[in-house]
Structure formats: C-alpha cells, structure tokens
Amino acid sequence: MEIYQDLHQHPELSMQEQRTAGIAADHLQRLGYVVTRGVGGTGVVGLLRNGDGPTVMLRADMDALPMAEQTGLPYASTATATDGDGRTVGVAHSCGHDLHVTWLMGAAQVLAAARGAWRGTLMVVFQPGEETAQGANAMIADWERLGLPRAEVVLGQHVMVGAAGTVSYRPGVILSAADSLKVTLFGRGSHGSQPQTAVDPVVMAAATVMRLQTIVSREVAPLDSAVLTIGALQAGTKENIIPDDATLKLNMRTYDEAVRTHMLQAVRRICCAECDASGAPRPPEFTTLSSYPMTDNDHDATARVAAAFHAQFGDNALQSKPMSASEDFSVFGRTWGVPYVFWFVGGTDPRAYAKARAEGTLNTLPSNHSPRFAPVLEPTLKTGLQAMLSAAAAWLCAPSEGPLDGNA
C-alpha cells in the first residue's frame, strides 16, 4: 500500500520515468535479482534464475499521463512536468500503471521468497513509454546489445473498469490495434474580408472531418468493428485572419489487419481529395504519432492461464469481450515469436459496479484516462498480485505445487 501511494503521488511522463525505474530496480536488487537498468531509456529488467525450467516474463508499464488528477484522494498527484512540446502539464496515474508497477514488485518479492516452489528463470520487466507506444520497441532495440535472454512466454495485465476481485481473460484478439496520425492541410492565408484571395484551410479541414467519418459508416462492413476519432482540429489565431494551414489529429482502432490497412489508405485518399477539391497549393502532410499492434492472445497459453485463474478465483475468473483500448505489450512476444497472454483486473468498487450494471449506467463510471479514475485498493491490490502469481506459476511450478498464494 505504501509503495502504491508513493508511486501514485509521484507520477512521471512517458520516457521520463527515472524515479519509478529507480524504485523498481532497487527493490529487485535487494531481492537478489540480476538487474539491468536503462533498457530502452528508463526500462528495468530483473532476472532470477532458479534451476532448469522455462524463462517466463512478467511485464508492467510505468508511465503516467499528461493530465491533472481530480480524484480528491488524500494521496492524489499534484505533480507537473514539461511535455514533449515544452508545455507545463499536470501529471497523473489516471491509467493505473502505478498499480501495475506495485503488482510486479510484489510478485517479484513473493517469487524470490518462494524459490522452493518453482523452477526456471523469472524475468520481470518494468517498461517505459506505453502511453506513447515508444517503450516496448525501445527496450527491444536494446535487448540483444545488453545480452538479455528471450522469454518463452510473456505475461501481462491491466487494471480496468470491472468489479474489484475479478479477473478477465480472452483467447485471441483482446485489444485493438491503434494508429494515430497528424495531418497538416495547406491553404493560402488572407484577410477575413477577402476570402476570394485565400484558400481557406479551415473550410478544407471541416469538410475533411465530416468525410473521414464516412470511412467507418460506409467503407467498413457492419460486422467489422472499427473506430475513427478526430481528437484535435487546430487552425488560426484570430477571427478575421484566414490562416495558412490547419492540423487534424486522428486516432483509429481496428481488430483486423485488412480493415486497418484499408482505413489508413482511405484517410490518405480522402485528405488528398479534399485538398485537391479546395485548390490547395500543395498536398497534405501525414505524420504518424503512434502505432500499436493488436493484442492477440495465444490460444493454448491463454487456456493455461485461464485454468490457473479458475483454480485461484473460482467464479471471479471471467471471459472478457475484446476491448477497444490498445497496448504495446505484444511487441515483446511478436518480436520473439513466442506466445503471450494479456488480461484484465477489475478495479471498481463491486457494489458501485453492480448498481451501475443493473441501472445500465456502466458508461458513467470513471474509466482509465478519466481525471477521476481511482481504483479501489482492496481487494484490487491483492487480486492483481494473485493473478500475476497464478499465471506465472502455470509455467514455473511443477503440477504438484499448484498456484502460488499472494499471501505467501
């Protein structure tokens, strides 16, 4: 609890997680792990070799979000930091990565203390930069150079809206792919009283926004889920100045590679066509802000995790639907060609969740990335620890040993 509250009060932006990484690395060092710091910037890898057996990787992400917290908790963050654009922003663990770090530190401690119950190599990975899709790729880029081993299975979890005390798993696709783009539309600026001398990028942008919304409604089959959101439209400084350019920032979520490819091509086609229709002096400029692969859980490995969860949690082990959130967790398994499993841990007060579900108001509960997102810590802290230990034990423990208890 003390570790969690400390991490919550001291959040750090993506790829700036120096303090968090130091706390995790020092903790592993005290437990006897071989620790490698600075992997992919601020990433930490701890290895605990304990005889012959598989190499099992447990992963937690460390970064927080550039937003001010509004939970009213006594340990709420009041931190600020400078973001990549040089702006001072509030910083908060409004996605729950502070819980993820705490869970992994706890699992590392229990497994170090219970070496008589398992065999193999435990690899614990504290990853930077999940929120910007930088961290996993940055760590992988350093992996071979640092002589780190590859895991045989990669395991990870995320706190989400759901009744605390429950865990949710799914074989196959559990999280969407995500692509974020910045599109710059070029016009020709002029005085607002003389529109005939301009090519108005604001009108161009407005038309583009409306047309982009037809990709999902008219170009994607109704049974193929997809989302396209324009989260920012930025242009101009004054009401009587037609600006030179406008910028769109958009995000796409898809569950199928063919749909993903089609949508990316459609975005380019529509933006270019609208610029051409407006007589723009030059084509639009496209910049990729982030790109996340789908999280597509291995079926056999998920069945193994599910069996461990049902043994540990009984009826509180549930099968999840696919979520529209995205993660770079799968980069490790995809790069190494090994199975990976990702699952969810509920963090909502069970009574509040049951009430909202009965009333059909689940969408009103504060969710990840809300400034009011505040997982209840009991039993969420314990459940997440037990889930991580149960999944790891499915590979590290001999069948006679059974799952490790979070109270060990």
Protein backbone atom coordinates (compact mmCIF):
# COMPACT_ATOMS: atom_id res chain seq x y z
CA MET A 1 0.00 0.00 0.00
CA GLU A 2 2.80 2.43 0.87
CA ILE A 3 4.63 1.69 -2.38
CA TYR A 4 1.45 2.21 -4.39
CA GLN A 5 0.56 5.51 -2.72
CA ASP A 6 4.11 6.79 -3.18
CA LEU A 7 4.10 5.93 -6.88
CA HIS A 8 0.66 7.49 -7.26
CA GLN A 9 1.84 10.75 -5.74
CA HIS A 10 4.96 10.88 -7.92
CA PRO A 11 3.87 10.09 -11.50
CA GLU A 12 6.25 10.59 -14.42
CA LEU A 13 5.58 11.15 -18.10
CA SER A 14 6.43 8.63 -20.82
CA MET A 15 10.17 8.00 -21.26
CA GLN A 16 10.87 10.21 -18.19
CA GLU A 17 10.29 7.51 -15.53
CA GLN A 18 13.63 7.88 -13.75
CA ARG A 19 12.33 7.85 -10.16
CA THR A 20 9.87 4.98 -10.74
CA ALA A 21 12.50 2.90 -12.52
CA GLY A 22 14.95 3.51 -9.67
CA ILE A 23 12.44 2.33 -7.06
CA ALA A 24 11.72 -0.84 -9.04
CA ALA A 25 15.38 -1.58 -9.79
CA ASP A 26 16.49 -1.04 -6.19
CA HIS A 27 13.69 -3.32 -4.99
CA LEU A 28 14.81 -6.11 -7.34
CA GLN A 29 18.45 -5.67 -6.35
CA ARG A 30 17.60 -6.11 -2.67
CA LEU A 31 15.74 -9.33 -3.53
CA GLY A 32 18.75 -10.84 -5.30
CA TYR A 33 17.77 -10.33 -8.94
CA VAL A 34 20.35 -9.61 -11.63
CA VAL A 35 19.22 -6.13 -12.64
CA THR A 36 19.80 -4.26 -15.89
CA ARG A 37 18.86 -0.58 -15.81
CA GLY A 38 18.38 1.92 -18.62
CA VAL A 39 16.93 -0.57 -21.11
CA GLY A 40 15.28 1.46 -23.86
CA GLY A 41 15.82 4.64 -21.86
CA THR A 42 14.40 4.05 -18.40
CA GLY A 43 13.35 0.41 -18.62
CA VAL A 44 14.37 -2.15 -15.99
CA VAL A 45 14.88 -5.90 -16.45
CA GLY A 46 15.36 -8.24 -13.50
CA LEU A 47 16.41 -11.88 -13.83
CA LEU A 48 16.07 -14.55 -11.14
CA ARG A 49 17.48 -17.91 -12.22
CA ASN A 50 16.24 -20.83 -10.16
CA GLY A 51 17.28 -24.09 -11.79
CA ASP A 52 16.16 -25.74 -15.01
CA GLY A 53 12.86 -24.65 -16.46
CA PRO A 54 11.19 -22.11 -18.75
CA THR A 55 12.02 -18.41 -18.91
CA VAL A 56 8.81 -16.58 -18.00
CA MET A 57 8.45 -12.82 -18.46
CA LEU A 58 6.16 -10.66 -16.33
CA ARG A 59 5.72 -7.08 -17.54
CA ALA A 60 4.44 -3.81 -16.06
CA ASP A 61 4.34 -0.37 -17.66
CA MET A 62 5.47 2.64 -15.60
CA ASP A 63 4.43 5.89 -17.29
CA ALA A 64 1.69 8.34 -16.32
CA LEU A 65 -0.48 10.71 -18.33
CA PRO A 66 -0.17 14.47 -19.04
CA MET A 67 -3.35 15.42 -17.17
CA ALA A 68 -4.37 16.82 -13.79
CA GLU A 69 -5.89 14.42 -11.27
CA GLN A 70 -9.38 15.14 -9.90
CA THR A 71 -9.97 12.17 -7.60
CA GLY A 72 -9.82 14.04 -4.30
CA LEU A 73 -7.76 11.20 -2.80
CA PRO A 74 -5.54 12.12 0.16
CA TYR A 75 -2.57 10.82 -1.85
CA ALA A 76 -3.62 12.45 -5.15
CA SER A 77 -0.93 13.69 -7.51
CA THR A 78 -0.19 17.41 -7.70
CA ALA A 79 2.84 16.85 -9.93
CA THR A 80 3.61 18.83 -13.06
CA ALA A 81 6.16 18.23 -15.79
CA THR A 82 7.27 19.51 -19.18
CA ASP A 83 5.84 17.53 -22.09
CA GLY A 84 7.42 16.89 -25.49
CA ASP A 85 6.10 20.21 -26.83
CA GLY A 86 7.70 22.18 -23.99
CA ARG A 87 4.42 22.83 -22.17
CA THR A 88 3.95 22.52 -18.42
CA VAL A 89 1.26 19.92 -17.77
CA GLY A 90 -0.26 18.15 -14.82
CA VAL A 91 0.78 14.51 -14.42
CA ALA A 92 -1.39 11.71 -13.05
CA HIS A 93 -1.53 7.92 -12.96
CA SER A 94 -5.02 8.01 -14.46
CA CYS A 95 -4.45 4.76 -16.37
CA GLY A 96 -3.39 2.62 -13.41
CA HIS A 97 0.25 1.97 -14.24
CA ASP A 98 1.15 2.70 -10.61
CA LEU A 99 -0.87 -0.40 -9.73
CA HIS A 100 0.91 -2.38 -12.43
CA VAL A 101 4.33 -1.47 -11.02
CA THR A 102 3.21 -2.29 -7.47
CA TRP A 103 1.80 -5.67 -8.55
CA LEU A 104 5.03 -6.62 -10.32
CA MET A 105 7.19 -5.53 -7.40
CA GLY A 106 5.01 -7.69 -5.15
CA ALA A 107 5.15 -10.70 -7.47
CA ALA A 108 8.94 -10.37 -7.70
CA GLN A 109 9.13 -10.38 -3.90
CA VAL A 110 6.84 -13.41 -3.41
CA LEU A 111 8.62 -15.46 -6.06
CA ALA A 112 12.03 -14.59 -4.64
CA ALA A 113 10.87 -15.75 -1.21
CA ALA A 114 9.27 -18.95 -2.53
CA ARG A 115 12.10 -20.38 -4.62
CA GLY A 116 11.46 -23.85 -3.26
CA ALA A 117 8.08 -23.89 -5.04
CA TRP A 118 9.20 -23.27 -8.61
CA ARG A 119 11.92 -23.88 -11.19
CA GLY A 120 13.06 -21.88 -14.18
CA THR A 121 14.03 -18.28 -14.87
CA LEU A 122 11.80 -15.39 -13.88
CA MET A 123 12.18 -12.22 -15.94
CA VAL A 124 10.46 -9.11 -14.61
CA VAL A 125 10.25 -6.13 -16.97
CA PHE A 126 9.33 -2.58 -15.96
CA GLN A 127 8.60 -0.85 -19.27
CA PRO A 128 8.62 2.89 -20.02
CA GLY A 129 6.55 4.78 -22.56
CA GLU A 130 3.47 2.62 -23.07
CA GLU A 131 1.23 5.66 -23.44
CA THR A 132 3.24 6.88 -26.44
CA ALA A 133 3.91 3.44 -28.00
CA GLN A 134 7.65 4.03 -27.62
CA GLY A 135 8.68 1.90 -24.68
CA ALA A 136 8.41 -1.71 -25.82
CA ASN A 137 10.15 -1.01 -29.14
CA ALA A 138 12.85 0.99 -27.36
CA MET A 139 13.54 -1.88 -24.97
CA ILE A 140 13.62 -4.42 -27.80
CA ALA A 141 16.11 -2.23 -29.67
CA ASP A 142 18.49 -2.53 -26.68
CA TRP A 143 17.80 -6.19 -25.87
CA GLU A 144 20.42 -8.06 -27.86
CA ARG A 145 23.12 -5.44 -27.25
CA LEU A 146 22.68 -5.87 -23.50
CA GLY A 147 22.80 -9.66 -23.74
CA LEU A 148 19.35 -10.18 -22.27
CA PRO A 149 17.64 -13.54 -22.82
CA ARG A 150 14.39 -14.04 -24.64
CA ALA A 151 11.37 -15.30 -22.74
CA GLU A 152 9.43 -18.42 -23.70
CA VAL A 153 6.13 -16.84 -22.67
CA VAL A 154 5.22 -13.20 -21.99
CA LEU A 155 2.55 -12.33 -19.40
CA GLY A 156 0.93 -9.00 -18.51
CA GLN A 157 -2.19 -7.45 -17.03
CA HIS A 158 -4.08 -4.14 -16.80
CA VAL A 159 -6.47 -2.65 -14.25
CA MET A 160 -9.78 -1.75 -15.93
CA VAL A 161 -13.34 -0.85 -15.03
CA GLY A 162 -14.83 -4.04 -13.61
CA ALA A 163 -15.77 -5.42 -10.23
CA ALA A 164 -12.75 -5.47 -7.93
CA GLY A 165 -11.82 -9.04 -7.09
CA THR A 166 -12.42 -10.28 -10.65
CA VAL A 167 -10.00 -11.12 -13.45
CA SER A 168 -10.96 -11.31 -17.14
CA TYR A 169 -9.16 -13.17 -19.89
CA ARG A 170 -9.77 -13.92 -23.57
CA PRO A 171 -8.10 -16.15 -26.17
CA GLY A 172 -7.39 -14.39 -29.45
CA VAL A 173 -7.79 -10.65 -30.00
CA ILE A 174 -8.38 -8.88 -26.68
CA LEU A 175 -7.17 -5.33 -27.54
CA SER A 176 -7.42 -3.38 -30.78
CA ALA A 177 -4.69 -2.05 -33.00
CA ALA A 178 -4.38 1.74 -32.83
CA ASP A 179 -2.93 4.27 -35.24
CA SER A 180 -2.65 7.99 -34.50
CA LEU A 181 -1.87 10.46 -37.29
CA LYS A 182 -1.31 14.18 -37.61
CA VAL A 183 -2.49 15.60 -40.95
CA THR A 184 -1.44 19.11 -41.98
CA LEU A 185 -3.67 20.74 -44.61
CA PHE A 186 -2.11 23.64 -46.52
CA GLY A 187 -4.10 26.64 -47.72
CA ARG A 188 -3.31 30.25 -48.53
CA GLY A 189 -3.86 32.83 -45.84
CA SER A 190 -5.52 36.19 -46.27
CA HIS A 191 -7.75 38.82 -44.63
CA GLY A 192 -11.12 37.56 -43.47
CA SER A 193 -12.80 40.29 -45.55
CA GLN A 194 -11.20 38.99 -48.77
CA PRO A 195 -11.86 35.23 -48.89
CA GLN A 196 -11.53 35.26 -52.69
CA THR A 197 -7.78 35.80 -52.27
CA ALA A 198 -7.38 32.79 -49.97
CA VAL A 199 -7.57 29.01 -49.97
CA ASP A 200 -9.29 28.53 -46.63
CA PRO A 201 -7.77 25.57 -44.70
CA VAL A 202 -10.49 25.82 -42.03
CA VAL A 203 -13.23 25.02 -44.55
CA MET A 204 -10.95 22.35 -46.01
CA ALA A 205 -10.45 20.83 -42.56
CA ALA A 206 -14.17 20.94 -41.73
CA ALA A 207 -15.06 19.13 -44.95
CA THR A 208 -12.30 16.59 -44.32
CA VAL A 209 -13.51 15.86 -40.79
CA MET A 210 -17.02 15.14 -41.99
CA ARG A 211 -15.86 12.97 -44.88
CA LEU A 212 -13.45 10.96 -42.68
CA GLN A 213 -16.39 9.88 -40.52
CA THR A 214 -17.86 8.03 -43.51
CA ILE A 215 -14.95 5.57 -43.58
CA VAL A 216 -16.38 3.52 -40.72
CA SER A 217 -20.04 4.06 -41.62
CA ARG A 218 -19.70 3.42 -45.37
CA GLU A 219 -16.42 1.62 -46.10
CA VAL A 220 -16.16 -0.87 -43.22
CA ALA A 221 -18.54 -3.83 -43.11
CA PRO A 222 -21.07 -3.66 -40.24
CA LEU A 223 -19.64 -6.84 -38.67
CA ASP A 224 -16.06 -5.48 -38.73
CA SER A 225 -15.66 -3.21 -35.72
CA ALA A 226 -13.65 -0.02 -36.13
CA VAL A 227 -13.44 3.46 -34.61
CA LEU A 228 -12.12 6.70 -36.10
CA THR A 229 -11.87 9.78 -33.87
CA ILE A 230 -10.62 13.26 -34.77
CA GLY A 231 -9.39 14.44 -31.41
CA ALA A 232 -7.98 17.81 -32.46
CA LEU A 233 -8.61 20.40 -35.17
CA GLN A 234 -6.21 23.32 -34.86
CA ALA A 235 -6.13 26.38 -37.11
CA GLY A 236 -5.71 30.13 -36.93
CA THR A 237 -5.18 32.71 -34.20
CA LYS A 238 -7.75 35.46 -34.86
CA GLU A 239 -11.33 35.72 -36.12
CA ASN A 240 -10.53 37.94 -39.13
CA ILE A 241 -7.44 36.10 -40.38
CA ILE A 242 -7.73 33.16 -42.75
CA PRO A 243 -4.73 31.04 -41.76
CA ASP A 244 -2.20 29.34 -43.98
CA ASP A 245 -2.79 25.84 -42.66
CA ALA A 246 -4.86 23.59 -40.41
CA THR A 247 -3.93 20.48 -38.48
CA LEU A 248 -6.03 17.39 -37.75
CA LYS A 249 -5.04 14.77 -35.19
CA LEU A 250 -6.90 11.50 -35.51
CA ASN A 251 -6.95 8.06 -33.95
CA MET A 252 -8.11 4.73 -35.42
CA ARG A 253 -8.92 1.44 -33.67
CA THR A 254 -9.25 -1.80 -35.63
CA TYR A 255 -9.40 -5.55 -34.95
CA ASP A 256 -8.39 -6.86 -38.37
CA GLU A 257 -5.22 -6.14 -40.36
CA ALA A 258 -7.09 -5.86 -43.67
CA VAL A 259 -9.51 -3.32 -42.16
CA ARG A 260 -6.58 -1.44 -40.64
CA THR A 261 -4.79 -1.21 -44.00
CA HIS A 262 -7.95 -0.09 -45.79
CA MET A 263 -8.68 2.65 -43.24
CA LEU A 264 -5.14 4.03 -43.37
CA GLN A 265 -5.35 4.18 -47.16
CA ALA A 266 -8.82 5.76 -47.01
CA VAL A 267 -7.62 8.50 -44.66
CA ARG A 268 -4.90 9.46 -47.14
CA ARG A 269 -7.28 9.25 -50.11
CA ILE A 270 -9.91 11.50 -48.51
CA CYS A 271 -7.46 14.09 -47.18
CA CYS A 272 -5.74 14.37 -50.55
CA ALA A 273 -9.06 14.54 -52.42
CA GLU A 274 -10.46 17.30 -50.18
CA CYS A 275 -7.29 19.34 -50.59
CA ASP A 276 -7.46 18.89 -54.34
CA ALA A 277 -11.16 19.88 -54.35
CA SER A 278 -10.28 23.06 -52.43
CA GLY A 279 -7.47 24.01 -54.79
CA ALA A 280 -4.83 23.64 -52.08
CA PRO A 281 -1.37 24.83 -53.14
CA ARG A 282 0.23 21.56 -52.03
CA PRO A 283 -0.81 18.06 -50.89
CA PRO A 284 -1.40 17.33 -47.21
CA GLU A 285 1.42 16.15 -44.96
CA PHE A 286 0.98 12.97 -42.89
CA THR A 287 2.89 12.22 -39.66
CA THR A 288 2.48 9.04 -37.63
CA LEU A 289 2.16 9.94 -33.95
CA SER A 290 1.90 6.40 -32.61
CA SER A 291 1.11 2.89 -33.80
CA TYR A 292 0.07 -0.06 -31.62
CA PRO A 293 -0.31 -3.63 -32.87
CA MET A 294 -3.31 -5.75 -31.94
CA THR A 295 -3.00 -7.76 -28.75
CA ASP A 296 -3.84 -11.25 -30.00
CA ASN A 297 -3.51 -13.74 -27.13
CA ASP A 298 -2.12 -17.19 -27.89
CA HIS A 299 -4.95 -19.71 -27.51
CA ASP A 300 -3.01 -22.51 -25.81
CA ALA A 301 -1.19 -20.18 -23.42
CA THR A 302 -4.46 -18.41 -22.58
CA ALA A 303 -6.10 -21.75 -21.76
CA ARG A 304 -3.25 -22.42 -19.33
CA VAL A 305 -3.69 -19.02 -17.68
CA ALA A 306 -7.47 -19.44 -17.57
CA ALA A 307 -7.14 -22.78 -15.77
CA ALA A 308 -4.87 -21.14 -13.18
CA PHE A 309 -7.34 -18.27 -12.74
CA HIS A 310 -10.32 -20.56 -12.26
CA ALA A 311 -8.36 -22.55 -9.68
CA GLN A 312 -7.42 -19.33 -7.84
CA PHE A 313 -10.54 -17.19 -8.22
CA GLY A 314 -13.41 -19.59 -8.98
CA ASP A 315 -16.43 -17.71 -10.33
CA ASN A 316 -14.48 -14.42 -10.22
CA ALA A 317 -12.45 -15.58 -13.25
CA LEU A 318 -14.41 -14.34 -16.26
CA GLN A 319 -14.07 -14.38 -20.04
CA SER A 320 -13.76 -10.88 -21.49
CA LYS A 321 -15.04 -9.36 -24.69
CA PRO A 322 -12.47 -7.60 -26.89
CA MET A 323 -11.69 -4.08 -25.67
CA SER A 324 -11.11 -1.03 -27.88
CA ALA A 325 -8.09 0.07 -25.85
CA SER A 326 -4.60 -0.61 -27.22
CA GLU A 327 -1.21 -1.66 -25.82
CA ASP A 328 2.40 -2.16 -26.96
CA PHE A 329 2.72 -5.20 -24.64
CA SER A 330 2.52 -7.63 -27.58
CA VAL A 331 5.69 -6.18 -29.16
CA PHE A 332 7.81 -8.50 -26.98
CA GLY A 333 6.01 -11.71 -27.96
CA ARG A 334 5.64 -10.67 -31.60
CA THR A 335 9.34 -9.82 -31.93
CA TRP A 336 10.50 -13.08 -30.36
CA GLY A 337 7.81 -15.27 -31.94
CA VAL A 338 6.65 -16.61 -28.56
CA PRO A 339 3.17 -16.87 -27.01
CA TYR A 340 1.86 -14.01 -24.92
CA VAL A 341 -1.20 -13.53 -22.71
CA PHE A 342 -2.72 -10.26 -21.53
CA TRP A 343 -5.68 -9.99 -19.15
CA PHE A 344 -7.65 -7.50 -17.06
CA VAL A 345 -8.07 -6.99 -13.32
CA GLY A 346 -11.23 -5.23 -12.12
CA GLY A 347 -10.66 -2.07 -10.08
CA THR A 348 -14.19 -0.75 -9.45
CA ASP A 349 -15.97 -0.97 -6.10
CA PRO A 350 -18.09 -4.15 -6.54
CA ARG A 351 -21.25 -2.53 -5.15
CA ALA A 352 -20.90 0.52 -7.39
CA TYR A 353 -20.23 -1.71 -10.39
CA ALA A 354 -23.23 -3.97 -9.67
CA LYS A 355 -25.50 -0.93 -9.22
CA ALA A 356 -24.32 0.69 -12.45
CA ARG A 357 -24.74 -2.57 -14.33
CA ALA A 358 -28.28 -3.05 -13.02
CA GLU A 359 -29.19 0.53 -13.96
CA GLY A 360 -27.48 0.41 -17.37
CA THR A 361 -25.08 3.21 -16.42
CA LEU A 362 -21.71 1.45 -16.66
CA ASN A 363 -20.53 4.14 -19.09
CA THR A 364 -20.81 6.75 -16.33
CA LEU A 365 -18.21 5.06 -14.11
CA PRO A 366 -14.83 6.84 -14.17
CA SER A 367 -12.65 4.80 -16.52
CA ASN A 368 -8.98 4.72 -17.47
CA HIS A 369 -7.76 8.16 -18.62
CA SER A 370 -10.53 9.94 -16.73
CA PRO A 371 -9.17 12.52 -14.23
CA ARG A 372 -11.47 10.84 -11.68
CA PHE A 373 -10.21 7.27 -12.28
CA ALA A 374 -9.39 5.82 -8.85
CA PRO A 375 -9.30 2.02 -8.45
CA VAL A 376 -10.37 0.76 -5.05
CA LEU A 377 -7.27 -0.72 -3.45
CA GLU A 378 -8.97 -3.50 -1.51
CA PRO A 379 -9.14 -6.11 -2.91
CA THR A 380 -7.58 -4.82 -6.16
CA LEU A 381 -4.00 -4.79 -4.86
CA LYS A 382 -4.31 -8.39 -3.65
CA THR A 383 -6.23 -9.65 -6.70
CA GLY A 384 -3.69 -8.27 -9.16
CA LEU A 385 -0.84 -9.83 -7.20
CA GLN A 386 -2.60 -13.20 -7.05
CA ALA A 387 -3.40 -13.07 -10.77
CA MET A 388 0.21 -12.40 -11.72
CA LEU A 389 1.48 -15.15 -9.42
CA SER A 390 -1.13 -17.65 -10.64
CA ALA A 391 -0.27 -17.03 -14.29
CA ALA A 392 3.48 -17.29 -13.64
CA ALA A 393 3.00 -20.47 -11.62
CA ALA A 394 1.26 -22.12 -14.57
CA TRP A 395 4.73 -22.33 -16.17
CA LEU A 396 7.16 -22.16 -13.25
CA CYS A 397 5.54 -24.55 -10.77
CA ALA A 398 5.53 -28.33 -11.01
CA PRO A 399 1.95 -29.66 -11.30
CA SER A 400 2.04 -30.89 -7.69
CA GLU A 401 2.87 -27.44 -6.36
CA GLY A 402 -0.24 -25.63 -7.60
CA PRO A 403 -0.62 -21.85 -7.85
CA LEU A 404 1.29 -19.57 -5.51
CA ASP A 405 -0.76 -17.61 -3.00
CA GLY A 406 -0.39 -13.83 -2.84
CA ASN A 407 -0.24 -14.18 0.96
CA ALA A 408 2.94 -16.31 0.78
